[in-house]
Amino acid sequence: MTHYEQRERRNAPRRPPDWRVLFGPSGQLSLGYLADMSPLGVSILSETHFPIGTEIEVHFGIEHTQTSGRLQMRAVVRHCTLGRIGVQFLNVDPSQREHWWQILRGAL
């Protein structure tokens, strides 16, 4: 078993995304870039940080001048390090998870 396999705890596949997001508490959104994405949450590259446990919004499908995204998800901050924040989506019904995962992978 490799070092990577020993550290890997993820239960869902990842997709390396290539788009911008807005994230943060409602009315206090900051720009970030997705580093990693799964059906359960995302990792965002940004200098903006929030305490672990903070509930935030994540807006996907952002054009350069938009202040909100085509798809908006509620999430909770699970980890925060220098330049990166990891969040887990909230209130996603497992029966709907595959549907919006397909939308994220293909439409945005």
PDB file of N, CA and C in Angstrom:
ATOM      1  N   MET A   1       0.843  -1.174   0.000  1.00  0.00           N
ATOM      2  CA  MET A   1       0.000   0.000   0.000  1.00  0.00           C
ATOM      3  C   MET A   1       0.889   1.239   0.000  1.00  0.00           C
ATOM      4  N   THR A   2       0.598   2.186  -0.885  1.00  0.00           N
ATOM      5  CA  THR A   2       1.397   3.401  -0.970  1.00  0.00           C
ATOM      6  C   THR A   2       0.995   4.375   0.129  1.00  0.00           C
ATOM      7  N   HIS A   3       1.829   5.389   0.314  1.00  0.00           N
ATOM      8  CA  HIS A   3       1.535   6.433   1.292  1.00  0.00           C
ATOM      9  C   HIS A   3       0.215   7.110   0.945  1.00  0.00           C
ATOM     10  N   TYR A   4      -0.020   7.385  -0.358  1.00  0.00           N
ATOM     11  CA  TYR A   4      -1.264   8.028  -0.785  1.00  0.00           C
ATOM     12  C   TYR A   4      -2.467   7.149  -0.448  1.00  0.00           C
ATOM     13  N   GLU A   5      -2.391   5.861  -0.705  1.00  0.00           N
ATOM     14  CA  GLU A   5      -3.502   4.966  -0.425  1.00  0.00           C
ATOM     15  C   GLU A   5      -3.801   4.899   1.070  1.00  0.00           C
ATOM     16  N   GLN A   6      -2.770   5.003   1.902  1.00  0.00           N
ATOM     17  CA  GLN A   6      -2.966   4.977   3.341  1.00  0.00           C
ATOM     18  C   GLN A   6      -3.683   6.231   3.817  1.00  0.00           C
ATOM     19  N   ARG A   7      -3.392   7.389   3.190  1.00  0.00           N
ATOM     20  CA  ARG A   7      -3.982   8.657   3.605  1.00  0.00           C
ATOM     21  C   ARG A   7      -5.370   8.881   3.022  1.00  0.00           C
ATOM     22  N   GLU A   8      -5.688   8.232   1.925  1.00  0.00           N
ATOM     23  CA  GLU A   8      -6.949   8.470   1.231  1.00  0.00           C
ATOM     24  C   GLU A   8      -8.131   7.968   2.062  1.00  0.00           C
ATOM     25  N   ARG A   9      -9.032   8.886   2.425  1.00  0.00           N
ATOM     26  CA  ARG A   9     -10.211   8.542   3.210  1.00  0.00           C
ATOM     27  C   ARG A   9     -11.492   8.865   2.464  1.00  0.00           C
ATOM     28  N   ARG A  10     -11.387   9.281   1.234  1.00  0.00           N
ATOM     29  CA  ARG A  10     -12.553   9.718   0.476  1.00  0.00           C
ATOM     30  C   ARG A  10     -13.425   8.545   0.071  1.00  0.00           C
ATOM     31  N   ASN A  11     -14.744   8.763   0.154  1.00  0.00           N
ATOM     32  CA  ASN A  11     -15.711   7.736  -0.208  1.00  0.00           C
ATOM     33  C   ASN A  11     -16.329   7.969  -1.573  1.00  0.00           C
ATOM     34  N   ALA A  12     -16.045   9.103  -2.193  1.00  0.00           N
ATOM     35  CA  ALA A  12     -16.654   9.442  -3.475  1.00  0.00           C
ATOM     36  C   ALA A  12     -15.573   9.882  -4.453  1.00  0.00           C
ATOM     37  N   PRO A  13     -15.795   9.666  -5.749  1.00  0.00           N
ATOM     38  CA  PRO A  13     -14.805  10.082  -6.747  1.00  0.00           C
ATOM     39  C   PRO A  13     -14.673  11.595  -6.794  1.00  0.00           C
ATOM     40  N   ARG A  14     -13.521  12.063  -7.234  1.00  0.00           N
ATOM     41  CA  ARG A  14     -13.246  13.482  -7.352  1.00  0.00           C
ATOM     42  C   ARG A  14     -13.151  13.871  -8.817  1.00  0.00           C
ATOM     43  N   ARG A  15     -13.441  15.124  -9.106  1.00  0.00           N
ATOM     44  CA  ARG A  15     -13.269  15.678 -10.433  1.00  0.00           C
ATOM     45  C   ARG A  15     -12.463  16.947 -10.280  1.00  0.00           C
ATOM     46  N   PRO A  16     -11.337  17.076 -10.977  1.00  0.00           N
ATOM     47  CA  PRO A  16     -10.599  18.334 -10.895  1.00  0.00           C
ATOM     48  C   PRO A  16     -11.347  19.409 -11.676  1.00  0.00           C
ATOM     49  N   PRO A  17     -11.963  20.350 -11.011  1.00  0.00           N
ATOM     50  CA  PRO A  17     -12.771  21.351 -11.682  1.00  0.00           C
ATOM     51  C   PRO A  17     -11.925  22.486 -12.266  1.00  0.00           C
ATOM     52  N   ASP A  18     -12.568  23.293 -13.070  1.00  0.00           N
ATOM     53  CA  ASP A  18     -11.849  24.360 -13.748  1.00  0.00           C
ATOM     54  C   ASP A  18     -12.664  25.647 -13.791  1.00  0.00           C
ATOM     55  N   TRP A  19     -13.350  25.971 -12.688  1.00  0.00           N
ATOM     56  CA  TRP A  19     -14.127  27.193 -12.692  1.00  0.00           C
ATOM     57  C   TRP A  19     -14.083  27.930 -11.366  1.00  0.00           C
ATOM     58  N   ARG A  20     -14.577  29.137 -11.439  1.00  0.00           N
ATOM     59  CA  ARG A  20     -14.621  30.041 -10.291  1.00  0.00           C
ATOM     60  C   ARG A  20     -15.875  29.785  -9.466  1.00  0.00           C
ATOM     61  N   VAL A  21     -15.809  30.119  -8.184  1.00  0.00           N
ATOM     62  CA  VAL A  21     -16.963  30.053  -7.294  1.00  0.00           C
ATOM     63  C   VAL A  21     -16.985  31.308  -6.436  1.00  0.00           C
ATOM     64  N   LEU A  22     -18.142  31.614  -5.916  1.00  0.00           N
ATOM     65  CA  LEU A  22     -18.288  32.578  -4.843  1.00  0.00           C
ATOM     66  C   LEU A  22     -18.682  31.776  -3.618  1.00  0.00           C
ATOM     67  N   PHE A  23     -18.157  32.146  -2.460  1.00  0.00           N
ATOM     68  CA  PHE A  23     -18.466  31.389  -1.248  1.00  0.00           C
ATOM     69  C   PHE A  23     -18.394  32.295  -0.039  1.00  0.00           C
ATOM     70  N   GLY A  24     -19.138  31.918   0.994  1.00  0.00           N
ATOM     71  CA  GLY A  24     -19.127  32.657   2.247  1.00  0.00           C
ATOM     72  C   GLY A  24     -20.527  32.776   2.799  1.00  0.00           C
ATOM     73  N   PRO A  25     -20.656  33.438   3.946  1.00  0.00           N
ATOM     74  CA  PRO A  25     -21.973  33.690   4.501  1.00  0.00           C
ATOM     75  C   PRO A  25     -22.788  34.565   3.534  1.00  0.00           C
ATOM     76  N   SER A  26     -24.081  34.428   3.548  1.00  0.00           N
ATOM     77  CA  SER A  26     -24.947  35.219   2.682  1.00  0.00           C
ATOM     78  C   SER A  26     -24.623  36.702   2.818  1.00  0.00           C
ATOM     79  N   GLY A  27     -24.440  37.371   1.688  1.00  0.00           N
ATOM     80  CA  GLY A  27     -24.112  38.791   1.696  1.00  0.00           C
ATOM     81  C   GLY A  27     -22.643  39.097   1.881  1.00  0.00           C
ATOM     82  N   GLN A  28     -21.808  38.091   2.109  1.00  0.00           N
ATOM     83  CA  GLN A  28     -20.366  38.300   2.319  1.00  0.00           C
ATOM     84  C   GLN A  28     -19.558  37.351   1.436  1.00  0.00           C
ATOM     85  N   LEU A  29     -19.968  37.181   0.198  1.00  0.00           N
ATOM     86  CA  LEU A  29     -19.342  36.196  -0.679  1.00  0.00           C
ATOM     87  C   LEU A  29     -17.971  36.659  -1.158  1.00  0.00           C
ATOM     88  N   SER A  30     -17.045  35.714  -1.239  1.00  0.00           N
ATOM     89  CA  SER A  30     -15.683  35.953  -1.710  1.00  0.00           C
ATOM     90  C   SER A  30     -15.417  35.084  -2.928  1.00  0.00           C
ATOM     91  N   LEU A  31     -14.510  35.521  -3.769  1.00  0.00           N
ATOM     92  CA  LEU A  31     -14.133  34.757  -4.944  1.00  0.00           C
ATOM     93  C   LEU A  31     -13.137  33.662  -4.575  1.00  0.00           C
ATOM     94  N   GLY A  32     -13.327  32.482  -5.154  1.00  0.00           N
ATOM     95  CA  GLY A  32     -12.395  31.379  -4.973  1.00  0.00           C
ATOM     96  C   GLY A  32     -12.372  30.525  -6.229  1.00  0.00           C
ATOM     97  N   TYR A  33     -11.466  29.572  -6.248  1.00  0.00           N
ATOM     98  CA  TYR A  33     -11.321  28.660  -7.376  1.00  0.00           C
ATOM     99  C   TYR A  33     -11.351  27.234  -6.847  1.00  0.00           C
ATOM    100  N   LEU A  34     -12.126  26.375  -7.502  1.00  0.00           N
ATOM    101  CA  LEU A  34     -12.223  25.006  -7.038  1.00  0.00           C
ATOM    102  C   LEU A  34     -10.919  24.261  -7.252  1.00  0.00           C
ATOM    103  N   ALA A  35     -10.454  23.623  -6.195  1.00  0.00           N
ATOM    104  CA  ALA A  35      -9.252  22.790  -6.267  1.00  0.00           C
ATOM    105  C   ALA A  35      -9.649  21.336  -6.446  1.00  0.00           C
ATOM    106  N   ASP A  36     -10.807  20.976  -5.914  1.00  0.00           N
ATOM    107  CA  ASP A  36     -11.254  19.591  -5.905  1.00  0.00           C
ATOM    108  C   ASP A  36     -12.757  19.599  -5.675  1.00  0.00           C
ATOM    109  N   MET A  37     -13.440  18.573  -6.194  1.00  0.00           N
ATOM    110  CA  MET A  37     -14.883  18.541  -6.083  1.00  0.00           C
ATOM    111  C   MET A  37     -15.357  17.097  -6.022  1.00  0.00           C
ATOM    112  N   SER A  38     -16.371  16.844  -5.213  1.00  0.00           N
ATOM    113  CA  SER A  38     -16.994  15.526  -5.138  1.00  0.00           C
ATOM    114  C   SER A  38     -18.497  15.730  -4.927  1.00  0.00           C
ATOM    115  N   PRO A  39     -19.283  14.670  -4.969  1.00  0.00           N
ATOM    116  CA  PRO A  39     -20.712  14.830  -4.696  1.00  0.00           C
ATOM    117  C   PRO A  39     -21.007  15.292  -3.266  1.00  0.00           C
ATOM    118  N   LEU A  40     -20.025  15.182  -2.366  1.00  0.00           N
ATOM    119  CA  LEU A  40     -20.256  15.530  -0.959  1.00  0.00           C
ATOM    120  C   LEU A  40     -19.760  16.917  -0.572  1.00  0.00           C
ATOM    121  N   GLY A  41     -18.848  17.488  -1.369  1.00  0.00           N
ATOM    122  CA  GLY A  41     -18.315  18.794  -1.022  1.00  0.00           C
ATOM    123  C   GLY A  41     -17.242  19.243  -1.988  1.00  0.00           C
ATOM    124  N   VAL A  42     -16.621  20.372  -1.653  1.00  0.00           N
ATOM    125  CA  VAL A  42     -15.586  20.946  -2.504  1.00  0.00           C
ATOM    126  C   VAL A  42     -14.426  21.465  -1.667  1.00  0.00           C
ATOM    127  N   SER A  43     -13.295  21.599  -2.338  1.00  0.00           N
ATOM    128  CA  SER A  43     -12.130  22.260  -1.773  1.00  0.00           C
ATOM    129  C   SER A  43     -11.917  23.520  -2.613  1.00  0.00           C
ATOM    130  N   ILE A  44     -11.795  24.657  -1.949  1.00  0.00           N
ATOM    131  CA  ILE A  44     -11.719  25.948  -2.615  1.00  0.00           C
ATOM    132  C   ILE A  44     -10.379  26.608  -2.315  1.00  0.00           C
ATOM    133  N   LEU A  45      -9.726  27.085  -3.365  1.00  0.00           N
ATOM    134  CA  LEU A  45      -8.495  27.850  -3.212  1.00  0.00           C
ATOM    135  C   LEU A  45      -8.856  29.318  -3.003  1.00  0.00           C
ATOM    136  N   SER A  46      -8.438  29.872  -1.878  1.00  0.00           N
ATOM    137  CA  SER A  46      -8.741  31.260  -1.554  1.00  0.00           C
ATOM    138  C   SER A  46      -7.950  31.678  -0.326  1.00  0.00           C
ATOM    139  N   GLU A  47      -7.687  32.954  -0.229  1.00  0.00           N
ATOM    140  CA  GLU A  47      -7.060  33.493   0.976  1.00  0.00           C
ATOM    141  C   GLU A  47      -8.106  33.816   2.045  1.00  0.00           C
ATOM    142  N   THR A  48      -9.384  33.733   1.684  1.00  0.00           N
ATOM    143  CA  THR A  48     -10.473  33.981   2.634  1.00  0.00           C
ATOM    144  C   THR A  48     -10.722  32.713   3.440  1.00  0.00           C
ATOM    145  N   HIS A  49     -10.798  32.860   4.760  1.00  0.00           N
ATOM    146  CA  HIS A  49     -11.024  31.707   5.626  1.00  0.00           C
ATOM    147  C   HIS A  49     -12.184  31.967   6.570  1.00  0.00           C
ATOM    148  N   PHE A  50     -12.833  30.877   6.962  1.00  0.00           N
ATOM    149  CA  PHE A  50     -13.905  30.928   7.946  1.00  0.00           C
ATOM    150  C   PHE A  50     -13.649  29.835   8.975  1.00  0.00           C
ATOM    151  N   PRO A  51     -14.094  30.038  10.212  1.00  0.00           N
ATOM    152  CA  PRO A  51     -13.889  29.015  11.246  1.00  0.00           C
ATOM    153  C   PRO A  51     -14.571  27.694  10.883  1.00  0.00           C
ATOM    154  N   ILE A  52     -13.971  26.606  11.312  1.00  0.00           N
ATOM    155  CA  ILE A  52     -14.570  25.290  11.127  1.00  0.00           C
ATOM    156  C   ILE A  52     -15.955  25.295  11.773  1.00  0.00           C
ATOM    157  N   GLY A  53     -16.938  24.751  11.062  1.00  0.00           N
ATOM    158  CA  GLY A  53     -18.308  24.716  11.545  1.00  0.00           C
ATOM    159  C   GLY A  53     -19.178  25.848  11.018  1.00  0.00           C
ATOM    160  N   THR A  54     -18.566  26.844  10.368  1.00  0.00           N
ATOM    161  CA  THR A  54     -19.333  27.958   9.814  1.00  0.00           C
ATOM    162  C   THR A  54     -20.174  27.485   8.633  1.00  0.00           C
ATOM    163  N   GLU A  55     -21.455  27.842   8.616  1.00  0.00           N
ATOM    164  CA  GLU A  55     -22.313  27.531   7.476  1.00  0.00           C
ATOM    165  C   GLU A  55     -22.179  28.645   6.443  1.00  0.00           C
ATOM    166  N   ILE A  56     -21.970  28.243   5.191  1.00  0.00           N
ATOM    167  CA  ILE A  56     -21.753  29.201   4.117  1.00  0.00           C
ATOM    168  C   ILE A  56     -22.573  28.798   2.888  1.00  0.00           C
ATOM    169  N   GLU A  57     -22.575  29.666   1.890  1.00  0.00           N
ATOM    170  CA  GLU A  57     -23.121  29.376   0.570  1.00  0.00           C
ATOM    171  C   GLU A  57     -21.948  29.156  -0.378  1.00  0.00           C
ATOM    172  N   VAL A  58     -22.141  28.287  -1.363  1.00  0.00           N
ATOM    173  CA  VAL A  58     -21.169  28.117  -2.442  1.00  0.00           C
ATOM    174  C   VAL A  58     -21.944  28.297  -3.742  1.00  0.00           C
ATOM    175  N   HIS A  59     -21.526  29.261  -4.553  1.00  0.00           N
ATOM    176  CA  HIS A  59     -22.192  29.576  -5.816  1.00  0.00           C
ATOM    177  C   HIS A  59     -21.319  29.099  -6.973  1.00  0.00           C
ATOM    178  N   PHE A  60     -21.892  28.260  -7.839  1.00  0.00           N
ATOM    179  CA  PHE A  60     -21.197  27.714  -9.003  1.00  0.00           C
ATOM    180  C   PHE A  60     -21.715  28.391 -10.269  1.00  0.00           C
ATOM    181  N   GLY A  61     -20.932  28.320 -11.347  1.00  0.00           N
ATOM    182  CA  GLY A  61     -21.351  28.882 -12.632  1.00  0.00           C
ATOM    183  C   GLY A  61     -21.258  30.391 -12.636  1.00  0.00           C
ATOM    184  N   ILE A  62     -20.160  30.917 -12.156  1.00  0.00           N
ATOM    185  CA  ILE A  62     -19.953  32.357 -12.024  1.00  0.00           C
ATOM    186  C   ILE A  62     -19.309  32.913 -13.287  1.00  0.00           C
ATOM    187  N   GLU A  63     -19.915  33.935 -13.850  1.00  0.00           N
ATOM    188  CA  GLU A  63     -19.281  34.695 -14.926  1.00  0.00           C
ATOM    189  C   GLU A  63     -18.462  35.806 -14.271  1.00  0.00           C
ATOM    190  N   HIS A  64     -17.623  36.464 -15.019  1.00  0.00           N
ATOM    191  CA  HIS A  64     -16.665  37.429 -14.458  1.00  0.00           C
ATOM    192  C   HIS A  64     -17.288  38.552 -13.630  1.00  0.00           C
ATOM    193  N   THR A  65     -18.471  39.031 -13.992  1.00  0.00           N
ATOM    194  CA  THR A  65     -19.052  40.168 -13.267  1.00  0.00           C
ATOM    195  C   THR A  65     -20.260  39.804 -12.419  1.00  0.00           C
ATOM    196  N   GLN A  66     -20.593  38.541 -12.330  1.00  0.00           N
ATOM    197  CA  GLN A  66     -21.782  38.135 -11.583  1.00  0.00           C
ATOM    198  C   GLN A  66     -21.543  38.147 -10.076  1.00  0.00           C
ATOM    199  N   THR A  67     -22.632  38.401  -9.349  1.00  0.00           N
ATOM    200  CA  THR A  67     -22.560  38.400  -7.883  1.00  0.00           C
ATOM    201  C   THR A  67     -23.263  37.195  -7.279  1.00  0.00           C
ATOM    202  N   SER A  68     -23.764  36.281  -8.131  1.00  0.00           N
ATOM    203  CA  SER A  68     -24.306  35.010  -7.667  1.00  0.00           C
ATOM    204  C   SER A  68     -24.154  33.998  -8.793  1.00  0.00           C
ATOM    205  N   GLY A  69     -24.301  32.726  -8.439  1.00  0.00           N
ATOM    206  CA  GLY A  69     -24.077  31.675  -9.417  1.00  0.00           C
ATOM    207  C   GLY A  69     -25.351  31.008  -9.879  1.00  0.00           C
ATOM    208  N   ARG A  70     -25.227  30.245 -10.968  1.00  0.00           N
ATOM    209  CA  ARG A  70     -26.382  29.520 -11.514  1.00  0.00           C
ATOM    210  C   ARG A  70     -26.827  28.402 -10.580  1.00  0.00           C
ATOM    211  N   LEU A  71     -25.898  27.834  -9.821  1.00  0.00           N
ATOM    212  CA  LEU A  71     -26.216  26.788  -8.861  1.00  0.00           C
ATOM    213  C   LEU A  71     -25.662  27.214  -7.514  1.00  0.00           C
ATOM    214  N   GLN A  72     -26.505  27.186  -6.491  1.00  0.00           N
ATOM    215  CA  GLN A  72     -26.099  27.609  -5.151  1.00  0.00           C
ATOM    216  C   GLN A  72     -26.349  26.480  -4.169  1.00  0.00           C
ATOM    217  N   MET A  73     -25.343  26.186  -3.356  1.00  0.00           N
ATOM    218  CA  MET A  73     -25.434  25.099  -2.376  1.00  0.00           C
ATOM    219  C   MET A  73     -25.096  25.652  -0.989  1.00  0.00           C
ATOM    220  N   ARG A  74     -25.761  25.118   0.028  1.00  0.00           N
ATOM    221  CA  ARG A  74     -25.395  25.403   1.415  1.00  0.00           C
ATOM    222  C   ARG A  74     -24.322  24.408   1.819  1.00  0.00           C
ATOM    223  N   ALA A  75     -23.378  24.849   2.632  1.00  0.00           N
ATOM    224  CA  ALA A  75     -22.278  23.983   3.042  1.00  0.00           C
ATOM    225  C   ALA A  75     -21.797  24.394   4.423  1.00  0.00           C
ATOM    226  N   VAL A  76     -20.990  23.520   5.020  1.00  0.00           N
ATOM    227  CA  VAL A  76     -20.374  23.810   6.306  1.00  0.00           C
ATOM    228  C   VAL A  76     -18.863  23.619   6.148  1.00  0.00           C
ATOM    229  N   VAL A  77     -18.086  24.524   6.740  1.00  0.00           N
ATOM    230  CA  VAL A  77     -16.626  24.445   6.679  1.00  0.00           C
ATOM    231  C   VAL A  77     -16.161  23.270   7.524  1.00  0.00           C
ATOM    232  N   ARG A  78     -15.385  22.353   6.908  1.00  0.00           N
ATOM    233  CA  ARG A  78     -14.865  21.170   7.608  1.00  0.00           C
ATOM    234  C   ARG A  78     -13.376  21.271   7.892  1.00  0.00           C
ATOM    235  N   HIS A  79     -12.645  21.990   7.039  1.00  0.00           N
ATOM    236  CA  HIS A  79     -11.230  22.247   7.333  1.00  0.00           C
ATOM    237  C   HIS A  79     -10.795  23.510   6.629  1.00  0.00           C
ATOM    238  N   CYS A  80      -9.756  24.124   7.176  1.00  0.00           N
ATOM    239  CA  CYS A  80      -9.281  25.387   6.644  1.00  0.00           C
ATOM    240  C   CYS A  80      -7.773  25.452   6.871  1.00  0.00           C
ATOM    241  N   THR A  81      -7.032  25.587   5.783  1.00  0.00           N
ATOM    242  CA  THR A  81      -5.581  25.715   5.868  1.00  0.00           C
ATOM    243  C   THR A  81      -5.157  26.917   5.039  1.00  0.00           C
ATOM    244  N   LEU A  82      -3.890  27.226   5.046  1.00  0.00           N
ATOM    245  CA  LEU A  82      -3.364  28.356   4.308  1.00  0.00           C
ATOM    246  C   LEU A  82      -3.701  28.230   2.826  1.00  0.00           C
ATOM    247  N   GLY A  83      -4.550  29.117   2.333  1.00  0.00           N
ATOM    248  CA  GLY A  83      -4.889  29.149   0.926  1.00  0.00           C
ATOM    249  C   GLY A  83      -5.944  28.164   0.462  1.00  0.00           C
ATOM    250  N   ARG A  84      -6.535  27.401   1.376  1.00  0.00           N
ATOM    251  CA  ARG A  84      -7.503  26.369   0.967  1.00  0.00           C
ATOM    252  C   ARG A  84      -8.545  26.159   2.067  1.00  0.00           C
ATOM    253  N   ILE A  85      -9.809  25.974   1.631  1.00  0.00           N
ATOM    254  CA  ILE A  85     -10.899  25.720   2.562  1.00  0.00           C
ATOM    255  C   ILE A  85     -11.707  24.539   2.026  1.00  0.00           C
ATOM    256  N   GLY A  86     -12.031  23.600   2.894  1.00  0.00           N
ATOM    257  CA  GLY A  86     -12.819  22.428   2.512  1.00  0.00           C
ATOM    258  C   GLY A  86     -14.194  22.494   3.131  1.00  0.00           C
ATOM    259  N   VAL A  87     -15.223  22.284   2.304  1.00  0.00           N
ATOM    260  CA  VAL A  87     -16.597  22.357   2.808  1.00  0.00           C
ATOM    261  C   VAL A  87     -17.387  21.112   2.419  1.00  0.00           C
ATOM    262  N   GLN A  88     -18.352  20.784   3.249  1.00  0.00           N
ATOM    263  CA  GLN A  88     -19.264  19.668   3.004  1.00  0.00           C
ATOM    264  C   GLN A  88     -20.648  20.247   2.751  1.00  0.00           C
ATOM    265  N   PHE A  89     -21.301  19.783   1.671  1.00  0.00           N
ATOM    266  CA  PHE A  89     -22.626  20.271   1.339  1.00  0.00           C
ATOM    267  C   PHE A  89     -23.638  19.844   2.401  1.00  0.00           C
ATOM    268  N   LEU A  90     -24.619  20.695   2.625  1.00  0.00           N
ATOM    269  CA  LEU A  90     -25.690  20.440   3.588  1.00  0.00           C
ATOM    270  C   LEU A  90     -27.007  20.217   2.853  1.00  0.00           C
ATOM    271  N   ASN A  91     -27.891  19.462   3.473  1.00  0.00           N
ATOM    272  CA  ASN A  91     -29.265  19.291   2.994  1.00  0.00           C
ATOM    273  C   ASN A  91     -29.347  18.794   1.553  1.00  0.00           C
ATOM    274  N   VAL A  92     -28.459  17.898   1.173  1.00  0.00           N
ATOM    275  CA  VAL A  92     -28.537  17.288  -0.154  1.00  0.00           C
ATOM    276  C   VAL A  92     -29.121  15.892   0.020  1.00  0.00           C
ATOM    277  N   ASP A  93     -30.306  15.710  -0.504  1.00  0.00           N
ATOM    278  CA  ASP A  93     -30.964  14.411  -0.441  1.00  0.00           C
ATOM    279  C   ASP A  93     -30.156  13.409  -1.263  1.00  0.00           C
ATOM    280  N   PRO A  94     -29.810  12.259  -0.700  1.00  0.00           N
ATOM    281  CA  PRO A  94     -29.014  11.272  -1.452  1.00  0.00           C
ATOM    282  C   PRO A  94     -29.624  10.904  -2.799  1.00  0.00           C
ATOM    283  N   SER A  95     -30.943  10.926  -2.906  1.00  0.00           N
ATOM    284  CA  SER A  95     -31.574  10.592  -4.182  1.00  0.00           C
ATOM    285  C   SER A  95     -31.353  11.683  -5.230  1.00  0.00           C
ATOM    286  N   GLN A  96     -31.050  12.905  -4.805  1.00  0.00           N
ATOM    287  CA  GLN A  96     -30.796  14.008  -5.730  1.00  0.00           C
ATOM    288  C   GLN A  96     -29.316  14.219  -6.005  1.00  0.00           C
ATOM    289  N   ARG A  97     -28.467  13.635  -5.162  1.00  0.00           N
ATOM    290  CA  ARG A  97     -27.030  13.882  -5.267  1.00  0.00           C
ATOM    291  C   ARG A  97     -26.469  13.530  -6.647  1.00  0.00           C
ATOM    292  N   GLU A  98     -26.820  12.395  -7.204  1.00  0.00           N
ATOM    293  CA  GLU A  98     -26.298  11.991  -8.515  1.00  0.00           C
ATOM    294  C   GLU A  98     -26.748  12.955  -9.608  1.00  0.00           C
ATOM    295  N   HIS A  99     -27.985  13.442  -9.507  1.00  0.00           N
ATOM    296  CA  HIS A  99     -28.498  14.367 -10.523  1.00  0.00           C
ATOM    297  C   HIS A  99     -27.682  15.657 -10.563  1.00  0.00           C
ATOM    298  N   TRP A 100     -27.495  16.315  -9.426  1.00  0.00           N
ATOM    299  CA  TRP A 100     -26.763  17.574  -9.475  1.00  0.00           C
ATOM    300  C   TRP A 100     -25.272  17.351  -9.689  1.00  0.00           C
ATOM    301  N   TRP A 101     -24.740  16.185  -9.306  1.00  0.00           N
ATOM    302  CA  TRP A 101     -23.335  15.867  -9.591  1.00  0.00           C
ATOM    303  C   TRP A 101     -23.131  15.818 -11.112  1.00  0.00           C
ATOM    304  N   GLN A 102     -24.070  15.254 -11.836  1.00  0.00           N
ATOM    305  CA  GLN A 102     -23.981  15.228 -13.297  1.00  0.00           C
ATOM    306  C   GLN A 102     -24.051  16.640 -13.862  1.00  0.00           C
ATOM    307  N   ILE A 103     -24.891  17.473 -13.285  1.00  0.00           N
ATOM    308  CA  ILE A 103     -24.977  18.874 -13.736  1.00  0.00           C
ATOM    309  C   ILE A 103     -23.645  19.572 -13.522  1.00  0.00           C
ATOM    310  N   LEU A 104     -23.070  19.434 -12.338  1.00  0.00           N
ATOM    311  CA  LEU A 104     -21.788  20.084 -12.048  1.00  0.00           C
ATOM    312  C   LEU A 104     -20.683  19.603 -12.975  1.00  0.00           C
ATOM    313  N   ARG A 105     -20.647  18.312 -13.240  1.00  0.00           N
ATOM    314  CA  ARG A 105     -19.590  17.752 -14.082  1.00  0.00           C
ATOM    315  C   ARG A 105     -19.711  18.191 -15.528  1.00  0.00           C
ATOM    316  N   GLY A 106     -20.931  18.419 -15.997  1.00  0.00           N
ATOM    317  CA  GLY A 106     -21.081  18.665 -17.418  1.00  0.00           C
ATOM    318  C   GLY A 106     -21.573  20.020 -17.851  1.00  0.00           C
ATOM    319  N   ALA A 107     -22.358  20.674 -17.028  1.00  0.00           N
ATOM    320  CA  ALA A 107     -23.045  21.865 -17.506  1.00  0.00           C
ATOM    321  C   ALA A 107     -22.385  23.183 -17.118  1.00  0.00           C
ATOM    322  N   LEU A 108     -21.624  23.211 -16.078  1.00  0.00           N
ATOM    323  CA  LEU A 108     -21.068  24.489 -15.637  1.00  0.00           C
ATOM    324  C   LEU A 108     -19.692  24.723 -16.215  1.00  0.00           C
TER     325      LEU A 108
END
